[in-house]
C-alpha atoms as a PDB file:
ATOM      1  CA  UNK A   1      -9.666   1.827   8.123  1.00  0.00           C
ATOM      2  CA  UNK A   2      -6.639   0.979   9.660  1.00  0.00           C
ATOM      3  CA  UNK A   3      -3.216   2.523   8.703  1.00  0.00           C
ATOM      4  CA  UNK A   4      -0.557   0.217   9.001  1.00  0.00           C
ATOM      5  CA  UNK A   5       3.252   0.974   8.012  1.00  0.00           C
ATOM      6  CA  UNK A   6       5.310  -2.190   7.673  1.00  0.00           C
ATOM      7  CA  UNK A   7       8.863  -1.649   8.354  1.00  0.00           C
ATOM      8  CA  UNK A   8      11.379  -2.711   5.450  1.00  0.00           C
ATOM      9  CA  UNK A   9      15.167  -3.066   4.713  1.00  0.00           C
ATOM     10  CA  UNK A  10      15.371   0.416   2.775  1.00  0.00           C
ATOM     11  CA  UNK A  11      13.626   2.198   5.559  1.00  0.00           C
ATOM     12  CA  UNK A  12      16.180   2.093   8.003  1.00  0.00           C
ATOM     13  CA  UNK A  13      19.853   1.681   8.538  1.00  0.00           C
ATOM     14  CA  UNK A  14      19.232   1.073  12.072  1.00  0.00           C
ATOM     15  CA  UNK A  15      20.901  -1.923  13.616  1.00  0.00           C
ATOM     16  CA  UNK A  16      17.682  -3.021  15.021  1.00  0.00           C
ATOM     17  CA  UNK A  17      15.668  -1.989  11.768  1.00  0.00           C
ATOM     18  CA  UNK A  18      13.900   0.983  13.803  1.00  0.00           C
ATOM     19  CA  UNK A  19      12.727   4.174  11.869  1.00  0.00           C
ATOM     20  CA  UNK A  20      14.234   7.419  11.622  1.00  0.00           C
ATOM     21  CA  UNK A  21      12.748   9.198  14.796  1.00  0.00           C
ATOM     22  CA  UNK A  22      11.080  12.003  12.547  1.00  0.00           C
ATOM     23  CA  UNK A  23       9.757   9.555  10.333  1.00  0.00           C
ATOM     24  CA  UNK A  24       8.375   7.430  13.475  1.00  0.00           C
ATOM     25  CA  UNK A  25       7.221  10.913  14.939  1.00  0.00           C
ATOM     26  CA  UNK A  26       5.463  11.691  11.618  1.00  0.00           C
ATOM     27  CA  UNK A  27       3.695   8.778  11.380  1.00  0.00           C
ATOM     28  CA  UNK A  28       2.625   8.250  14.736  1.00  0.00           C
ATOM     29  CA  UNK A  29       1.032  11.818  14.746  1.00  0.00           C
ATOM     30  CA  UNK A  30      -0.813  10.573  11.909  1.00  0.00           C
ATOM     31  CA  UNK A  31      -2.364   7.535  13.585  1.00  0.00           C
ATOM     32  CA  UNK A  32      -0.335   5.045  11.700  1.00  0.00           C
ATOM     33  CA  UNK A  33       0.740   1.483  13.275  1.00  0.00           C
ATOM     34  CA  UNK A  34       4.229   0.720  12.656  1.00  0.00           C
ATOM     35  CA  UNK A  35       5.317  -2.611  12.780  1.00  0.00           C
ATOM     36  CA  UNK A  36       7.413  -5.331  11.134  1.00  0.00           C
ATOM     37  CA  UNK A  37       4.362  -7.468  10.465  1.00  0.00           C
ATOM     38  CA  UNK A  38       0.549  -7.712  10.763  1.00  0.00           C
ATOM     39  CA  UNK A  39      -1.533 -10.768  10.790  1.00  0.00           C
ATOM     40  CA  UNK A  40      -5.261 -12.399  11.646  1.00  0.00           C
ATOM     41  CA  UNK A  41      -7.188 -15.495  10.536  1.00  0.00           C
ATOM     42  CA  UNK A  42      -7.125 -14.278   6.922  1.00  0.00           C
ATOM     43  CA  UNK A  43      -3.644 -12.917   6.190  1.00  0.00           C
ATOM     44  CA  UNK A  44      -0.296 -11.996   7.218  1.00  0.00           C
ATOM     45  CA  UNK A  45       1.649  -8.908   5.691  1.00  0.00           C
ATOM     46  CA  UNK A  46       5.409  -8.519   6.006  1.00  0.00           C
ATOM     47  CA  UNK A  47       7.630  -6.352   3.859  1.00  0.00           C
ATOM     48  CA  UNK A  48       9.344  -9.482   2.763  1.00  0.00           C
ATOM     49  CA  UNK A  49      12.912  -8.884   3.293  1.00  0.00           C
ATOM     50  CA  UNK A  50      12.478 -11.926   5.681  1.00  0.00           C
ATOM     51  CA  UNK A  51      12.975 -13.957   2.839  1.00  0.00           C
ATOM     52  CA  UNK A  52      16.314 -13.056   2.438  1.00  0.00           C
ATOM     53  CA  UNK A  53      17.660 -11.416   5.532  1.00  0.00           C
ATOM     54  CA  UNK A  54      17.543 -12.623   9.216  1.00  0.00           C
ATOM     55  CA  UNK A  55      18.563 -10.483  12.125  1.00  0.00           C
ATOM     56  CA  UNK A  56      22.265 -11.598  11.860  1.00  0.00           C
ATOM     57  CA  UNK A  57      22.565 -10.604   8.296  1.00  0.00           C
ATOM     58  CA  UNK A  58      21.018  -7.456   8.136  1.00  0.00           C
ATOM     59  CA  UNK A  59      23.157  -6.406  11.068  1.00  0.00           C
ATOM     60  CA  UNK A  60      25.958  -7.477   9.020  1.00  0.00           C
ATOM     61  CA  UNK A  61      24.595  -5.735   5.854  1.00  0.00           C
ATOM     62  CA  UNK A  62      24.283  -2.477   8.253  1.00  0.00           C
ATOM     63  CA  UNK A  63      27.687  -2.643   9.726  1.00  0.00           C
ATOM     64  CA  UNK A  64      29.408  -2.968   6.026  1.00  0.00           C
ATOM     65  CA  UNK A  65      27.298  -0.466   4.513  1.00  0.00           C
ATOM     66  CA  UNK A  66      28.114   2.140   7.578  1.00  0.00           C
ATOM     67  CA  UNK A  67      31.765   0.887   6.966  1.00  0.00           C
ATOM     68  CA  UNK A  68      31.877   1.719   3.148  1.00  0.00           C
ATOM     69  CA  UNK A  69      29.843   5.202   3.888  1.00  0.00           C
ATOM     70  CA  UNK A  70      32.695   6.246   6.429  1.00  0.00           C
ATOM     71  CA  UNK A  71      35.647   5.257   4.092  1.00  0.00           C
ATOM     72  CA  UNK A  72      33.674   7.198   1.117  1.00  0.00           C
ATOM     73  CA  UNK A  73      33.676  10.277   3.678  1.00  0.00           C
ATOM     74  CA  UNK A  74      37.124   9.682   4.100  1.00  0.00           C
ATOM     75  CA  UNK A  75      38.244   9.165   0.760  1.00  0.00           C
ATOM     76  CA  UNK A  76      35.428  10.706  -1.748  1.00  0.00           C
ATOM     77  CA  UNK A  77      37.079   9.037  -4.991  1.00  0.00           C
ATOM     78  CA  UNK A  78      36.335   5.395  -3.089  1.00  0.00           C
ATOM     79  CA  UNK A  79      32.330   6.268  -3.138  1.00  0.00           C
ATOM     80  CA  UNK A  80      32.065   5.167  -6.877  1.00  0.00           C
ATOM     81  CA  UNK A  81      33.737   1.952  -5.897  1.00  0.00           C
ATOM     82  CA  UNK A  82      31.908   1.397  -2.792  1.00  0.00           C
ATOM     83  CA  UNK A  83      28.512   2.425  -4.121  1.00  0.00           C
ATOM     84  CA  UNK A  84      28.935  -0.020  -6.764  1.00  0.00           C
ATOM     85  CA  UNK A  85      30.208  -2.757  -4.408  1.00  0.00           C
ATOM     86  CA  UNK A  86      26.856  -1.998  -2.169  1.00  0.00           C
ATOM     87  CA  UNK A  87      24.552  -2.095  -5.312  1.00  0.00           C
ATOM     88  CA  UNK A  88      26.138  -5.595  -6.625  1.00  0.00           C
ATOM     89  CA  UNK A  89      26.989  -7.353  -3.510  1.00  0.00           C
ATOM     90  CA  UNK A  90      24.527  -6.073  -0.696  1.00  0.00           C
ATOM     91  CA  UNK A  91      21.253  -4.532  -2.566  1.00  0.00           C
ATOM     92  CA  UNK A  92      18.638  -5.846  -4.511  1.00  0.00           C
ATOM     93  CA  UNK A  93      19.668  -9.299  -4.648  1.00  0.00           C
ATOM     94  CA  UNK A  94      16.497 -10.458  -5.504  1.00  0.00           C
ATOM     95  CA  UNK A  95      15.497 -13.565  -7.368  1.00  0.00           C
ATOM     96  CA  UNK A  96      15.175 -13.416 -11.158  1.00  0.00           C
ATOM     97  CA  UNK A  97      14.486 -16.913 -12.462  1.00  0.00           C
ATOM     98  CA  UNK A  98      11.163 -18.607 -12.275  1.00  0.00           C
ATOM     99  CA  UNK A  99      13.187 -21.468  -9.671  1.00  0.00           C
ATOM    100  CA  UNK A 100      14.772 -18.314  -7.498  1.00  0.00           C
ATOM    101  CA  UNK A 101      11.263 -16.414  -7.393  1.00  0.00           C
ATOM    102  CA  UNK A 102       9.651 -19.893  -6.187  1.00  0.00           C
ATOM    103  CA  UNK A 103      12.270 -20.450  -3.794  1.00  0.00           C
ATOM    104  CA  UNK A 104      11.879 -17.251  -2.388  1.00  0.00           C
ATOM    105  CA  UNK A 105       8.335 -17.092  -1.729  1.00  0.00           C
ATOM    106  CA  UNK A 106       8.491 -20.767  -0.303  1.00  0.00           C
ATOM    107  CA  UNK A 107      10.991 -19.625   1.990  1.00  0.00           C
ATOM    108  CA  UNK A 108       9.000 -16.213   2.796  1.00  0.00           C
ATOM    109  CA  UNK A 109       5.772 -18.459   3.343  1.00  0.00           C
ATOM    110  CA  UNK A 110       7.789 -21.047   5.775  1.00  0.00           C
ATOM    111  CA  UNK A 111       9.365 -18.068   7.860  1.00  0.00           C
ATOM    112  CA  UNK A 112       6.386 -16.337   8.179  1.00  0.00           C
ATOM    113  CA  UNK A 113       3.981 -19.106   9.320  1.00  0.00           C
ATOM    114  CA  UNK A 114       1.580 -18.563   6.062  1.00  0.00           C
ATOM    115  CA  UNK A 115      -0.177 -21.710   6.628  1.00  0.00           C
ATOM    116  CA  UNK A 116      -3.438 -21.370   4.939  1.00  0.00           C
ATOM    117  CA  UNK A 117      -3.507 -17.360   5.067  1.00  0.00           C
ATOM    118  CA  UNK A 118      -2.764 -14.890   2.230  1.00  0.00           C
ATOM    119  CA  UNK A 119       1.134 -13.863   2.245  1.00  0.00           C
ATOM    120  CA  UNK A 120       1.363 -10.115   1.394  1.00  0.00           C
ATOM    121  CA  UNK A 121       4.598  -8.636   0.943  1.00  0.00           C
ATOM    122  CA  UNK A 122       6.538  -6.087  -1.277  1.00  0.00           C
ATOM    123  CA  UNK A 123      10.353  -6.388  -0.851  1.00  0.00           C
ATOM    124  CA  UNK A 124      11.064  -7.446  -4.287  1.00  0.00           C
ATOM    125  CA  UNK A 125       9.190  -4.712  -5.877  1.00  0.00           C
ATOM    126  CA  UNK A 126       7.323  -7.218  -8.443  1.00  0.00           C
ATOM    127  CA  UNK A 127       3.525  -6.615  -8.496  1.00  0.00           C
ATOM    128  CA  UNK A 128       1.913  -9.899  -9.085  1.00  0.00           C
ATOM    129  CA  UNK A 129      -0.372 -12.505  -7.624  1.00  0.00           C
ATOM    130  CA  UNK A 130       0.545 -15.926  -7.364  1.00  0.00           C
ATOM    131  CA  UNK A 131      -3.348 -17.765  -6.456  1.00  0.00           C
ATOM    132  CA  UNK A 132      -1.981 -21.092  -5.881  1.00  0.00           C
ATOM    133  CA  UNK A 133       0.554 -20.224  -3.366  1.00  0.00           C
ATOM    134  CA  UNK A 134      -1.921 -17.339  -2.079  1.00  0.00           C
ATOM    135  CA  UNK A 135       0.932 -14.546  -2.546  1.00  0.00           C
ATOM    136  CA  UNK A 136       0.172 -11.331  -3.460  1.00  0.00           C
ATOM    137  CA  UNK A 137       3.220  -8.852  -3.746  1.00  0.00           C
ATOM    138  CA  UNK A 138       2.464  -5.185  -3.655  1.00  0.00           C
ATOM    139  CA  UNK A 139       4.824  -3.984  -5.938  1.00  0.00           C
ATOM    140  CA  UNK A 140       6.110  -0.611  -5.672  1.00  0.00           C
ATOM    141  CA  UNK A 141       4.545   2.852  -5.488  1.00  0.00           C
ATOM    142  CA  UNK A 142       7.437   4.637  -7.228  1.00  0.00           C
ATOM    143  CA  UNK A 143       8.238   2.242  -9.889  1.00  0.00           C
ATOM    144  CA  UNK A 144       4.830   0.499 -10.964  1.00  0.00           C
ATOM    145  CA  UNK A 145       2.497   2.781  -8.667  1.00  0.00           C
ATOM    146  CA  UNK A 146       0.860  -0.545  -7.737  1.00  0.00           C
ATOM    147  CA  UNK A 147      -1.165  -1.411  -4.693  1.00  0.00           C
ATOM    148  CA  UNK A 148      -3.453  -3.653  -2.937  1.00  0.00           C
ATOM    149  CA  UNK A 149      -6.923  -3.079  -1.753  1.00  0.00           C
ATOM    150  CA  UNK A 150      -8.613  -5.649   0.921  1.00  0.00           C
ATOM    151  CA  UNK A 151     -12.391  -6.016   0.740  1.00  0.00           C
ATOM    152  CA  UNK A 152     -13.412  -8.993   3.159  1.00  0.00           C
ATOM    153  CA  UNK A 153     -11.740 -12.142   1.566  1.00  0.00           C
ATOM    154  CA  UNK A 154     -11.164 -10.218  -1.722  1.00  0.00           C
ATOM    155  CA  UNK A 155      -7.666  -8.685  -2.692  1.00  0.00           C
ATOM    156  CA  UNK A 156      -7.629  -6.248  -5.713  1.00  0.00           C
ATOM    157  CA  UNK A 157      -4.287  -5.320  -7.290  1.00  0.00           C
ATOM    158  CA  UNK A 158      -4.473  -1.931  -8.944  1.00  0.00           C
ATOM    159  CA  UNK A 159      -2.408   0.448 -10.362  1.00  0.00           C
ATOM    160  CA  UNK A 160      -2.561   4.426 -10.915  1.00  0.00           C
ATOM    161  CA  UNK A 161      -1.881   4.988 -14.461  1.00  0.00           C
ATOM    162  CA  UNK A 162      -2.060   8.566 -14.194  1.00  0.00           C
ATOM    163  CA  UNK A 163      -3.667  11.144 -11.640  1.00  0.00           C
ATOM    164  CA  UNK A 164      -6.893  10.177 -10.976  1.00  0.00           C
ATOM    165  CA  UNK A 165      -7.036   7.264 -13.338  1.00  0.00           C
ATOM    166  CA  UNK A 166      -6.670   3.489 -12.027  1.00  0.00           C
ATOM    167  CA  UNK A 167      -6.745   0.040 -13.496  1.00  0.00           C
ATOM    168  CA  UNK A 168      -7.902  -3.366 -11.852  1.00  0.00           C
ATOM    169  CA  UNK A 169      -4.795  -5.742 -12.392  1.00  0.00           C
ATOM    170  CA  UNK A 170      -6.322  -8.704 -10.573  1.00  0.00           C
ATOM    171  CA  UNK A 171      -8.547  -9.744  -8.056  1.00  0.00           C
ATOM    172  CA  UNK A 172      -7.704 -13.015  -5.711  1.00  0.00           C
ATOM    173  CA  UNK A 173     -10.664 -14.519  -3.489  1.00  0.00           C
ATOM    174  CA  UNK A 174      -9.316 -16.248  -0.976  1.00  0.00           C
ATOM    175  CA  UNK A 175     -11.097 -19.498   0.026  1.00  0.00           C
END
């Protein structure tokens, strides 16, 4: 099948959200398609940061991150402060309450022009399927070992429990 690498906010510190050259070369040598989104009549898949960042807020975030990093290099004791500041104010400002989560996905749906398609993302790292919104979050391979497989118009959410042992967590059939 197709191998698609969707670039997200933790993949890059480039103002244009480009992958580091070595990673890009590695993926291209193995025939991965590198993009910000992929879409067809059935689905649209994005990383999901689009629900929180636009180009301008991304550039501002990267500028501040690079500034704090430079200061921390010059004055190492400030690293703890700059790291805490980054974590609190710039990183993982994910929605927490049901209202925030619903608002985030509605915003992402609008920004991506989801329409009647299945919207697949992963940015918040929360493995979930919201059938009435036609939204799937792939979760996080590192945190939850979760992934989504497409079989025609069926989407299967699965987890690796231990090496070689997988469990099916949900099946969503798109109409």
